[in-house]
Amino acid sequence: MRYQPNMQGNVLPGAAAYPRFESAQTQAPNTQILGYLGRALSLEFSAGQHYLAQASLSKFRNEMQFAEGFVTLANEEFQHANLITDRMVSQGALPAGSILSPANSANNIIEALRTCEARELALIQLYGEATQYSQNVGAADDFALFSRLLEEEQTQLVRVQGWLEEYYQNMAANPVPQWNFV
């Protein structure tokens, strides 16, 4: 194929796969909001990585129901990271490099769920602050995104806490026999 002037198409592979935003950025982005977006991206990736680690640990303990639940949580966190990245790009920014918190080791499902609970609480706190700030400065699109993410993280927290309650109820209903060799 030879180049011809006014040739249709694009030489960039997959260029059509990138999101197109209706309006171009007309004003300088709010650095405080970009800061919230950057911290949120780091926390979301950290949470996703942590949930995948907990899924693997659960598989090794033969707790398949929890392993599947952790994978679902990880996928939800990575979808949040996608939404955050889209918002950053719409403001003319790219992720500068996320700093991930290491995944925590857990010897049992209670420890695993408590570490997940802590990650959800950190995200809820960040999104609560970001939502309030966005509302105060009149950043409607950012407010909508942070509000959505806040609601979804609260739902995830309720799910994790529900798993904890269910586990405790199962343990109370089916106590582990105490073996005595005396």
N, C-alpha and C. Protein backbone atom coordinates (compact mmCIF):
# COMPACT_ATOMS: atom_id res chain seq x y z
N MET A 1 0.85 -1.17 0.00
CA MET A 1 0.00 0.00 0.00
C MET A 1 0.89 1.23 0.00
N ARG A 2 0.52 2.18 -0.76
CA ARG A 2 1.28 3.40 -0.87
C ARG A 2 0.48 4.56 -0.29
N TYR A 3 1.22 5.53 0.22
CA TYR A 3 0.58 6.71 0.78
C TYR A 3 -0.06 7.53 -0.31
N GLN A 4 -1.28 7.97 -0.03
CA GLN A 4 -1.98 8.86 -0.95
C GLN A 4 -2.52 10.02 -0.13
N PRO A 5 -2.39 11.24 -0.61
CA PRO A 5 -2.94 12.38 0.13
C PRO A 5 -4.44 12.19 0.36
N ASN A 6 -4.91 12.71 1.47
CA ASN A 6 -6.32 12.63 1.86
C ASN A 6 -6.80 11.18 2.04
N MET A 7 -5.88 10.31 2.42
CA MET A 7 -6.22 8.91 2.61
C MET A 7 -7.05 8.76 3.88
N GLN A 8 -8.10 7.95 3.83
CA GLN A 8 -8.97 7.72 4.97
C GLN A 8 -8.28 6.80 5.97
N GLY A 9 -8.65 6.90 7.22
CA GLY A 9 -8.15 5.99 8.24
C GLY A 9 -7.10 6.64 9.11
N ASN A 10 -6.53 5.83 9.98
CA ASN A 10 -5.56 6.30 10.95
C ASN A 10 -4.46 5.26 11.06
N VAL A 11 -3.25 5.70 11.20
CA VAL A 11 -2.13 4.76 11.29
C VAL A 11 -1.93 4.22 12.70
N LEU A 12 -2.62 4.77 13.67
CA LEU A 12 -2.47 4.30 15.04
C LEU A 12 -3.37 3.09 15.26
N PRO A 13 -2.78 1.95 15.63
CA PRO A 13 -3.62 0.77 15.87
C PRO A 13 -4.52 0.98 17.07
N GLY A 14 -5.78 0.67 16.88
CA GLY A 14 -6.73 0.76 17.99
C GLY A 14 -7.10 2.17 18.41
N ALA A 15 -6.80 3.16 17.59
CA ALA A 15 -7.08 4.54 17.98
C ALA A 15 -8.56 4.76 18.28
N ALA A 16 -9.42 4.02 17.60
CA ALA A 16 -10.85 4.19 17.83
C ALA A 16 -11.28 3.63 19.18
N ALA A 17 -10.43 2.84 19.80
CA ALA A 17 -10.78 2.24 21.09
C ALA A 17 -10.65 3.23 22.24
N TYR A 18 -9.97 4.32 22.04
CA TYR A 18 -9.80 5.29 23.11
C TYR A 18 -11.05 6.12 23.26
N PRO A 19 -11.39 6.49 24.49
CA PRO A 19 -12.63 7.25 24.70
C PRO A 19 -12.54 8.64 24.07
N ARG A 20 -13.65 9.07 23.54
CA ARG A 20 -13.77 10.42 22.99
C ARG A 20 -14.63 11.22 23.95
N PHE A 21 -14.16 12.38 24.32
CA PHE A 21 -14.89 13.20 25.26
C PHE A 21 -15.57 14.33 24.51
N GLU A 22 -16.81 14.60 24.89
CA GLU A 22 -17.64 15.57 24.20
C GLU A 22 -17.03 16.97 24.16
N SER A 23 -16.56 17.42 25.29
CA SER A 23 -16.05 18.78 25.33
C SER A 23 -14.57 18.77 25.69
N ALA A 24 -13.84 19.62 25.05
CA ALA A 24 -12.42 19.75 25.36
C ALA A 24 -12.27 20.53 26.66
N GLN A 25 -11.16 20.31 27.32
CA GLN A 25 -10.89 21.04 28.56
C GLN A 25 -10.70 22.51 28.22
N THR A 26 -11.54 23.36 28.80
CA THR A 26 -11.49 24.78 28.48
C THR A 26 -10.76 25.59 29.54
N GLN A 27 -10.59 25.01 30.71
CA GLN A 27 -9.89 25.73 31.76
C GLN A 27 -8.85 24.81 32.37
N ALA A 28 -7.95 25.41 33.11
CA ALA A 28 -6.91 24.62 33.75
C ALA A 28 -7.54 23.67 34.76
N PRO A 29 -7.06 22.42 34.80
CA PRO A 29 -7.63 21.48 35.76
C PRO A 29 -7.33 21.89 37.20
N ASN A 30 -8.19 21.54 38.08
CA ASN A 30 -8.05 21.82 39.50
C ASN A 30 -7.02 20.84 40.06
N THR A 31 -5.92 21.35 40.56
CA THR A 31 -4.85 20.48 41.05
C THR A 31 -5.28 19.67 42.27
N GLN A 32 -6.15 20.23 43.08
CA GLN A 32 -6.65 19.49 44.25
C GLN A 32 -7.45 18.26 43.79
N ILE A 33 -8.28 18.44 42.78
CA ILE A 33 -9.06 17.31 42.26
C ILE A 33 -8.15 16.29 41.61
N LEU A 34 -7.16 16.75 40.86
CA LEU A 34 -6.20 15.81 40.29
C LEU A 34 -5.46 15.05 41.38
N GLY A 35 -5.20 15.70 42.49
CA GLY A 35 -4.58 15.02 43.64
C GLY A 35 -5.47 13.92 44.19
N TYR A 36 -6.76 14.24 44.32
CA TYR A 36 -7.71 13.22 44.78
C TYR A 36 -7.77 12.06 43.79
N LEU A 37 -7.79 12.37 42.51
CA LEU A 37 -7.84 11.32 41.50
C LEU A 37 -6.59 10.44 41.55
N GLY A 38 -5.43 11.07 41.73
CA GLY A 38 -4.18 10.30 41.80
C GLY A 38 -4.13 9.40 43.02
N ARG A 39 -4.54 9.93 44.17
CA ARG A 39 -4.57 9.10 45.39
C ARG A 39 -5.59 7.98 45.26
N ALA A 40 -6.74 8.29 44.67
CA ALA A 40 -7.78 7.28 44.48
C ALA A 40 -7.27 6.16 43.57
N LEU A 41 -6.56 6.53 42.52
CA LEU A 41 -6.02 5.52 41.61
C LEU A 41 -5.05 4.59 42.33
N SER A 42 -4.18 5.16 43.14
CA SER A 42 -3.24 4.33 43.91
C SER A 42 -3.97 3.41 44.88
N LEU A 43 -4.97 3.93 45.57
CA LEU A 43 -5.72 3.11 46.52
C LEU A 43 -6.53 2.02 45.81
N GLU A 44 -7.10 2.34 44.67
CA GLU A 44 -7.88 1.34 43.93
C GLU A 44 -6.98 0.21 43.43
N PHE A 45 -5.84 0.57 42.83
CA PHE A 45 -4.91 -0.47 42.37
C PHE A 45 -4.39 -1.30 43.54
N SER A 46 -4.09 -0.64 44.66
CA SER A 46 -3.61 -1.36 45.84
C SER A 46 -4.68 -2.33 46.35
N ALA A 47 -5.91 -1.87 46.39
CA ALA A 47 -7.00 -2.73 46.85
C ALA A 47 -7.19 -3.91 45.90
N GLY A 48 -7.16 -3.65 44.60
CA GLY A 48 -7.31 -4.74 43.63
C GLY A 48 -6.21 -5.78 43.78
N GLN A 49 -4.98 -5.30 43.93
CA GLN A 49 -3.84 -6.21 44.12
C GLN A 49 -4.02 -7.01 45.41
N HIS A 50 -4.46 -6.35 46.47
CA HIS A 50 -4.66 -7.00 47.75
C HIS A 50 -5.75 -8.07 47.65
N TYR A 51 -6.86 -7.76 46.98
CA TYR A 51 -7.95 -8.72 46.85
C TYR A 51 -7.53 -9.94 46.04
N LEU A 52 -6.70 -9.73 45.01
CA LEU A 52 -6.21 -10.88 44.25
C LEU A 52 -5.30 -11.76 45.11
N ALA A 53 -4.49 -11.13 45.95
CA ALA A 53 -3.64 -11.89 46.86
C ALA A 53 -4.50 -12.68 47.85
N GLN A 54 -5.56 -12.05 48.36
CA GLN A 54 -6.44 -12.74 49.30
C GLN A 54 -7.18 -13.89 48.61
N ALA A 55 -7.51 -13.71 47.34
CA ALA A 55 -8.15 -14.79 46.57
C ALA A 55 -7.20 -15.99 46.48
N SER A 56 -5.95 -15.74 46.19
CA SER A 56 -4.97 -16.83 46.10
C SER A 56 -4.79 -17.51 47.45
N LEU A 57 -4.67 -16.72 48.51
CA LEU A 57 -4.53 -17.31 49.84
C LEU A 57 -5.76 -18.15 50.20
N SER A 58 -6.94 -17.66 49.83
CA SER A 58 -8.18 -18.40 50.11
C SER A 58 -8.21 -19.72 49.34
N LYS A 59 -7.73 -19.70 48.10
CA LYS A 59 -7.67 -20.95 47.32
C LYS A 59 -6.79 -21.97 48.02
N PHE A 60 -5.65 -21.53 48.53
CA PHE A 60 -4.75 -22.44 49.20
C PHE A 60 -5.34 -22.97 50.51
N ARG A 61 -6.24 -22.23 51.11
CA ARG A 61 -6.91 -22.70 52.33
C ARG A 61 -8.20 -23.45 51.98
N ASN A 62 -8.47 -23.62 50.68
CA ASN A 62 -9.65 -24.31 50.17
C ASN A 62 -10.95 -23.60 50.57
N GLU A 63 -10.92 -22.28 50.55
CA GLU A 63 -12.09 -21.45 50.83
C GLU A 63 -12.54 -20.82 49.51
N MET A 64 -13.06 -21.66 48.62
CA MET A 64 -13.34 -21.25 47.25
C MET A 64 -14.40 -20.15 47.15
N GLN A 65 -15.38 -20.18 48.02
CA GLN A 65 -16.42 -19.14 47.99
C GLN A 65 -15.81 -17.77 48.24
N PHE A 66 -14.92 -17.69 49.21
CA PHE A 66 -14.27 -16.41 49.50
C PHE A 66 -13.31 -16.03 48.38
N ALA A 67 -12.62 -17.00 47.81
CA ALA A 67 -11.69 -16.72 46.71
C ALA A 67 -12.44 -16.05 45.55
N GLU A 68 -13.60 -16.59 45.21
CA GLU A 68 -14.40 -16.00 44.13
C GLU A 68 -14.87 -14.60 44.49
N GLY A 69 -15.25 -14.41 45.74
CA GLY A 69 -15.68 -13.08 46.19
C GLY A 69 -14.56 -12.06 46.12
N PHE A 70 -13.34 -12.48 46.47
CA PHE A 70 -12.20 -11.56 46.40
C PHE A 70 -11.87 -11.19 44.95
N VAL A 71 -12.00 -12.15 44.05
CA VAL A 71 -11.75 -11.85 42.63
C VAL A 71 -12.79 -10.85 42.12
N THR A 72 -14.02 -11.01 42.54
CA THR A 72 -15.08 -10.06 42.15
C THR A 72 -14.75 -8.66 42.67
N LEU A 73 -14.33 -8.58 43.93
CA LEU A 73 -13.95 -7.28 44.50
C LEU A 73 -12.79 -6.67 43.73
N ALA A 74 -11.80 -7.47 43.39
CA ALA A 74 -10.64 -6.96 42.64
C ALA A 74 -11.09 -6.40 41.29
N ASN A 75 -11.95 -7.11 40.59
CA ASN A 75 -12.43 -6.63 39.30
C ASN A 75 -13.19 -5.31 39.45
N GLU A 76 -13.96 -5.18 40.50
CA GLU A 76 -14.67 -3.92 40.74
C GLU A 76 -13.69 -2.78 40.98
N GLU A 77 -12.62 -3.04 41.73
CA GLU A 77 -11.62 -2.00 42.00
C GLU A 77 -10.91 -1.60 40.71
N PHE A 78 -10.62 -2.56 39.85
CA PHE A 78 -9.95 -2.23 38.60
C PHE A 78 -10.88 -1.45 37.66
N GLN A 79 -12.18 -1.70 37.75
CA GLN A 79 -13.14 -0.89 36.99
C GLN A 79 -13.16 0.54 37.52
N HIS A 80 -13.05 0.69 38.82
CA HIS A 80 -12.96 2.04 39.41
C HIS A 80 -11.71 2.74 38.90
N ALA A 81 -10.59 2.01 38.85
CA ALA A 81 -9.35 2.60 38.34
C ALA A 81 -9.53 3.06 36.90
N ASN A 82 -10.27 2.32 36.12
CA ASN A 82 -10.55 2.71 34.74
C ASN A 82 -11.34 4.01 34.68
N LEU A 83 -12.37 4.14 35.52
CA LEU A 83 -13.17 5.37 35.55
C LEU A 83 -12.31 6.57 35.98
N ILE A 84 -11.46 6.35 36.95
CA ILE A 84 -10.59 7.43 37.43
C ILE A 84 -9.62 7.86 36.34
N THR A 85 -9.04 6.90 35.66
CA THR A 85 -8.10 7.22 34.57
C THR A 85 -8.81 7.99 33.47
N ASP A 86 -10.03 7.58 33.10
CA ASP A 86 -10.80 8.31 32.09
C ASP A 86 -11.02 9.76 32.53
N ARG A 87 -11.31 9.95 33.81
CA ARG A 87 -11.55 11.31 34.31
C ARG A 87 -10.27 12.14 34.26
N MET A 88 -9.16 11.52 34.60
CA MET A 88 -7.88 12.23 34.53
C MET A 88 -7.58 12.67 33.10
N VAL A 89 -7.78 11.76 32.17
CA VAL A 89 -7.51 12.07 30.76
C VAL A 89 -8.43 13.18 30.27
N SER A 90 -9.68 13.16 30.71
CA SER A 90 -10.61 14.21 30.29
C SER A 90 -10.18 15.58 30.79
N GLN A 91 -9.38 15.61 31.85
CA GLN A 91 -8.87 16.86 32.40
C GLN A 91 -7.49 17.19 31.86
N GLY A 92 -7.03 16.41 30.89
CA GLY A 92 -5.74 16.69 30.27
C GLY A 92 -4.55 16.14 31.03
N ALA A 93 -4.77 15.19 31.91
CA ALA A 93 -3.68 14.62 32.70
C ALA A 93 -3.61 13.11 32.45
N LEU A 94 -2.46 12.57 32.73
CA LEU A 94 -2.26 11.13 32.69
C LEU A 94 -1.76 10.69 34.06
N PRO A 95 -2.05 9.44 34.43
CA PRO A 95 -1.51 8.97 35.71
C PRO A 95 0.00 9.11 35.74
N ALA A 96 0.51 9.66 36.81
CA ALA A 96 1.94 9.93 36.92
C ALA A 96 2.72 8.73 37.46
N GLY A 97 2.06 7.76 37.93
CA GLY A 97 2.72 6.59 38.51
C GLY A 97 2.15 6.33 39.89
N SER A 98 1.42 5.26 39.99
CA SER A 98 0.78 4.94 41.26
C SER A 98 1.77 4.26 42.19
N ILE A 99 1.66 4.60 43.45
CA ILE A 99 2.44 3.95 44.49
C ILE A 99 1.49 3.00 45.20
N LEU A 100 1.77 1.71 45.08
CA LEU A 100 0.88 0.71 45.64
C LEU A 100 1.31 0.30 47.03
N SER A 101 0.33 0.13 47.88
CA SER A 101 0.58 -0.45 49.20
C SER A 101 0.71 -1.95 49.02
N PRO A 102 1.60 -2.58 49.74
CA PRO A 102 1.73 -4.03 49.58
C PRO A 102 0.50 -4.77 50.10
N ALA A 103 0.25 -5.92 49.52
CA ALA A 103 -0.83 -6.76 50.01
C ALA A 103 -0.44 -7.31 51.38
N ASN A 104 -1.43 -7.45 52.24
CA ASN A 104 -1.18 -7.98 53.58
C ASN A 104 -1.39 -9.48 53.59
N SER A 105 -0.58 -10.17 54.34
CA SER A 105 -0.75 -11.60 54.51
C SER A 105 -1.86 -11.85 55.50
N ALA A 106 -2.59 -12.92 55.29
CA ALA A 106 -3.66 -13.29 56.21
C ALA A 106 -3.61 -14.80 56.40
N ASN A 107 -3.61 -15.24 57.65
CA ASN A 107 -3.53 -16.66 57.96
C ASN A 107 -4.89 -17.34 57.99
N ASN A 108 -5.95 -16.54 58.03
CA ASN A 108 -7.30 -17.10 58.03
C ASN A 108 -8.24 -16.08 57.41
N ILE A 109 -9.48 -16.49 57.22
CA ILE A 109 -10.43 -15.64 56.52
C ILE A 109 -10.80 -14.41 57.34
N ILE A 110 -10.79 -14.52 58.64
CA ILE A 110 -11.11 -13.36 59.47
C ILE A 110 -10.06 -12.26 59.28
N GLU A 111 -8.78 -12.63 59.32
CA GLU A 111 -7.72 -11.65 59.07
C GLU A 111 -7.86 -11.06 57.67
N ALA A 112 -8.16 -11.90 56.69
CA ALA A 112 -8.30 -11.43 55.31
C ALA A 112 -9.42 -10.40 55.20
N LEU A 113 -10.56 -10.72 55.77
CA LEU A 113 -11.70 -9.81 55.68
C LEU A 113 -11.46 -8.52 56.45
N ARG A 114 -10.75 -8.59 57.56
CA ARG A 114 -10.43 -7.37 58.32
C ARG A 114 -9.50 -6.45 57.52
N THR A 115 -8.53 -7.04 56.80
CA THR A 115 -7.64 -6.20 55.99
C THR A 115 -8.40 -5.59 54.82
N CYS A 116 -9.36 -6.33 54.28
CA CYS A 116 -10.18 -5.79 53.19
C CYS A 116 -11.08 -4.66 53.70
N GLU A 117 -11.59 -4.85 54.89
CA GLU A 117 -12.42 -3.83 55.52
C GLU A 117 -11.63 -2.52 55.69
N ALA A 118 -10.38 -2.64 56.10
CA ALA A 118 -9.53 -1.45 56.27
C ALA A 118 -9.30 -0.74 54.95
N ARG A 119 -9.11 -1.50 53.88
CA ARG A 119 -8.91 -0.87 52.56
C ARG A 119 -10.16 -0.15 52.10
N GLU A 120 -11.30 -0.76 52.32
CA GLU A 120 -12.56 -0.12 51.93
C GLU A 120 -12.79 1.16 52.72
N LEU A 121 -12.47 1.13 54.01
CA LEU A 121 -12.65 2.33 54.83
C LEU A 121 -11.75 3.47 54.35
N ALA A 122 -10.52 3.15 53.94
CA ALA A 122 -9.62 4.19 53.43
C ALA A 122 -10.17 4.81 52.15
N LEU A 123 -10.73 3.98 51.27
CA LEU A 123 -11.32 4.51 50.04
C LEU A 123 -12.56 5.35 50.34
N ILE A 124 -13.36 4.90 51.27
CA ILE A 124 -14.57 5.64 51.64
C ILE A 124 -14.20 7.01 52.21
N GLN A 125 -13.18 7.04 53.04
CA GLN A 125 -12.74 8.32 53.61
C GLN A 125 -12.27 9.27 52.51
N LEU A 126 -11.45 8.76 51.59
CA LEU A 126 -10.95 9.60 50.50
C LEU A 126 -12.09 10.11 49.62
N TYR A 127 -13.01 9.21 49.25
CA TYR A 127 -14.11 9.64 48.38
C TYR A 127 -15.06 10.58 49.10
N GLY A 128 -15.21 10.44 50.40
CA GLY A 128 -16.02 11.39 51.15
C GLY A 128 -15.43 12.79 51.09
N GLU A 129 -14.12 12.88 51.30
CA GLU A 129 -13.43 14.18 51.21
C GLU A 129 -13.51 14.75 49.80
N ALA A 130 -13.25 13.90 48.81
CA ALA A 130 -13.24 14.35 47.42
C ALA A 130 -14.63 14.80 46.97
N THR A 131 -15.65 14.10 47.41
CA THR A 131 -17.02 14.48 47.07
C THR A 131 -17.35 15.85 47.65
N GLN A 132 -17.00 16.04 48.91
CA GLN A 132 -17.28 17.32 49.57
C GLN A 132 -16.52 18.45 48.89
N TYR A 133 -15.25 18.23 48.59
CA TYR A 133 -14.46 19.27 47.94
C TYR A 133 -15.03 19.61 46.56
N SER A 134 -15.35 18.58 45.79
CA SER A 134 -15.89 18.81 44.44
C SER A 134 -17.19 19.59 44.50
N GLN A 135 -18.01 19.26 45.47
CA GLN A 135 -19.27 19.99 45.62
C GLN A 135 -19.00 21.45 46.00
N ASN A 136 -18.05 21.66 46.90
CA ASN A 136 -17.73 23.03 47.34
C ASN A 136 -17.21 23.91 46.22
N VAL A 137 -16.44 23.35 45.29
CA VAL A 137 -15.88 24.16 44.20
C VAL A 137 -16.73 24.13 42.95
N GLY A 138 -17.84 23.39 42.99
CA GLY A 138 -18.75 23.36 41.85
C GLY A 138 -18.26 22.52 40.68
N ALA A 139 -17.47 21.52 40.95
CA ALA A 139 -16.97 20.62 39.90
C ALA A 139 -17.97 19.47 39.76
N ALA A 140 -18.98 19.67 38.94
CA ALA A 140 -20.11 18.74 38.85
C ALA A 140 -19.70 17.36 38.36
N ASP A 141 -18.86 17.28 37.34
CA ASP A 141 -18.45 15.98 36.81
C ASP A 141 -17.63 15.20 37.84
N ASP A 142 -16.74 15.89 38.52
CA ASP A 142 -15.94 15.24 39.55
C ASP A 142 -16.81 14.82 40.73
N PHE A 143 -17.74 15.68 41.10
CA PHE A 143 -18.68 15.35 42.17
C PHE A 143 -19.45 14.08 41.83
N ALA A 144 -19.92 13.99 40.58
CA ALA A 144 -20.68 12.81 40.16
C ALA A 144 -19.82 11.54 40.23
N LEU A 145 -18.58 11.64 39.77
CA LEU A 145 -17.69 10.47 39.81
C LEU A 145 -17.39 10.07 41.24
N PHE A 146 -16.96 11.02 42.06
CA PHE A 146 -16.61 10.69 43.44
C PHE A 146 -17.82 10.18 44.23
N SER A 147 -19.00 10.73 43.96
CA SER A 147 -20.22 10.26 44.64
C SER A 147 -20.52 8.81 44.25
N ARG A 148 -20.38 8.52 42.97
CA ARG A 148 -20.62 7.15 42.49
C ARG A 148 -19.63 6.18 43.14
N LEU A 149 -18.35 6.56 43.14
CA LEU A 149 -17.33 5.69 43.72
C LEU A 149 -17.54 5.53 45.23
N LEU A 150 -17.92 6.59 45.89
CA LEU A 150 -18.21 6.52 47.33
C LEU A 150 -19.33 5.51 47.60
N GLU A 151 -20.38 5.60 46.84
CA GLU A 151 -21.51 4.69 47.01
C GLU A 151 -21.10 3.24 46.74
N GLU A 152 -20.32 3.02 45.70
CA GLU A 152 -19.90 1.66 45.38
C GLU A 152 -18.96 1.09 46.43
N GLU A 153 -18.08 1.92 46.98
CA GLU A 153 -17.18 1.45 48.04
C GLU A 153 -17.96 1.14 49.31
N GLN A 154 -18.98 1.95 49.61
CA GLN A 154 -19.81 1.66 50.78
C GLN A 154 -20.54 0.33 50.61
N THR A 155 -20.99 0.06 49.40
CA THR A 155 -21.64 -1.22 49.11
C THR A 155 -20.66 -2.37 49.28
N GLN A 156 -19.43 -2.18 48.82
CA GLN A 156 -18.41 -3.22 48.99
C GLN A 156 -18.11 -3.46 50.46
N LEU A 157 -18.04 -2.39 51.24
CA LEU A 157 -17.78 -2.53 52.67
C LEU A 157 -18.89 -3.34 53.34
N VAL A 158 -20.13 -3.05 53.00
CA VAL A 158 -21.26 -3.79 53.55
C VAL A 158 -21.15 -5.27 53.17
N ARG A 159 -20.73 -5.54 51.95
CA ARG A 159 -20.56 -6.93 51.51
C ARG A 159 -19.48 -7.63 52.32
N VAL A 160 -18.34 -6.99 52.51
CA VAL A 160 -17.24 -7.58 53.30
C VAL A 160 -17.69 -7.82 54.74
N GLN A 161 -18.37 -6.85 55.32
CA GLN A 161 -18.87 -7.01 56.69
C GLN A 161 -19.91 -8.11 56.78
N GLY A 162 -20.70 -8.26 55.72
CA GLY A 162 -21.67 -9.35 55.67
C GLY A 162 -20.99 -10.71 55.64
N TRP A 163 -19.88 -10.81 54.91
CA TRP A 163 -19.13 -12.06 54.89
C TRP A 163 -18.58 -12.38 56.27
N LEU A 164 -18.11 -11.36 56.97
CA LEU A 164 -17.62 -11.57 58.33
C LEU A 164 -18.73 -12.08 59.25
N GLU A 165 -19.88 -11.44 59.21
CA GLU A 165 -21.01 -11.86 60.04
C GLU A 165 -21.42 -13.29 59.71
N GLU A 166 -21.50 -13.59 58.43
CA GLU A 166 -21.87 -14.94 58.00
C GLU A 166 -20.86 -15.97 58.49
N TYR A 167 -19.60 -15.64 58.42
CA TYR A 167 -18.55 -16.56 58.88
C TYR A 167 -18.69 -16.80 60.38
N TYR A 168 -18.88 -15.74 61.15
CA TYR A 168 -19.05 -15.89 62.60
C TYR A 168 -20.28 -16.72 62.94
N GLN A 169 -21.37 -16.51 62.21
CA GLN A 169 -22.59 -17.29 62.44
C GLN A 169 -22.36 -18.77 62.15
N ASN A 170 -21.65 -19.04 61.06
CA ASN A 170 -21.34 -20.44 60.72
C ASN A 170 -20.46 -21.08 61.78
N MET A 171 -19.51 -20.31 62.30
CA MET A 171 -18.63 -20.84 63.35
C MET A 171 -19.42 -21.11 64.63
N ALA A 172 -20.38 -20.26 64.95
CA ALA A 172 -21.19 -20.46 66.15
C ALA A 172 -22.11 -21.68 65.98
N ALA A 173 -22.62 -21.87 64.77
CA ALA A 173 -23.53 -22.99 64.52
C ALA A 173 -22.79 -24.32 64.42
N ASN A 174 -21.56 -24.28 63.95
CA ASN A 174 -20.75 -25.50 63.76
C ASN A 174 -19.41 -25.35 64.46
N PRO A 175 -19.42 -25.39 65.79
CA PRO A 175 -18.14 -25.20 66.49
C PRO A 175 -17.16 -26.33 66.17
N VAL A 176 -15.90 -25.98 66.14
CA VAL A 176 -14.84 -26.95 65.90
C VAL A 176 -14.68 -27.79 67.16
N PRO A 177 -14.70 -29.13 67.02
CA PRO A 177 -14.56 -29.95 68.22
C PRO A 177 -13.18 -29.76 68.86
N GLN A 178 -13.18 -29.73 70.17
CA GLN A 178 -11.94 -29.59 70.91
C GLN A 178 -11.42 -30.99 71.22
N TRP A 179 -10.32 -31.34 70.63
CA TRP A 179 -9.74 -32.68 70.84
C TRP A 179 -8.91 -32.67 72.11
N ASN A 180 -9.09 -33.71 72.85
CA ASN A 180 -8.36 -33.84 74.09
C ASN A 180 -7.74 -35.24 74.15
N PHE A 181 -6.46 -35.30 74.30
CA PHE A 181 -5.76 -36.58 74.32
C PHE A 181 -5.60 -37.12 75.73
N VAL A 182 -6.17 -36.48 76.70
CA VAL A 182 -6.01 -36.94 78.09
C VAL A 182 -7.10 -37.93 78.43
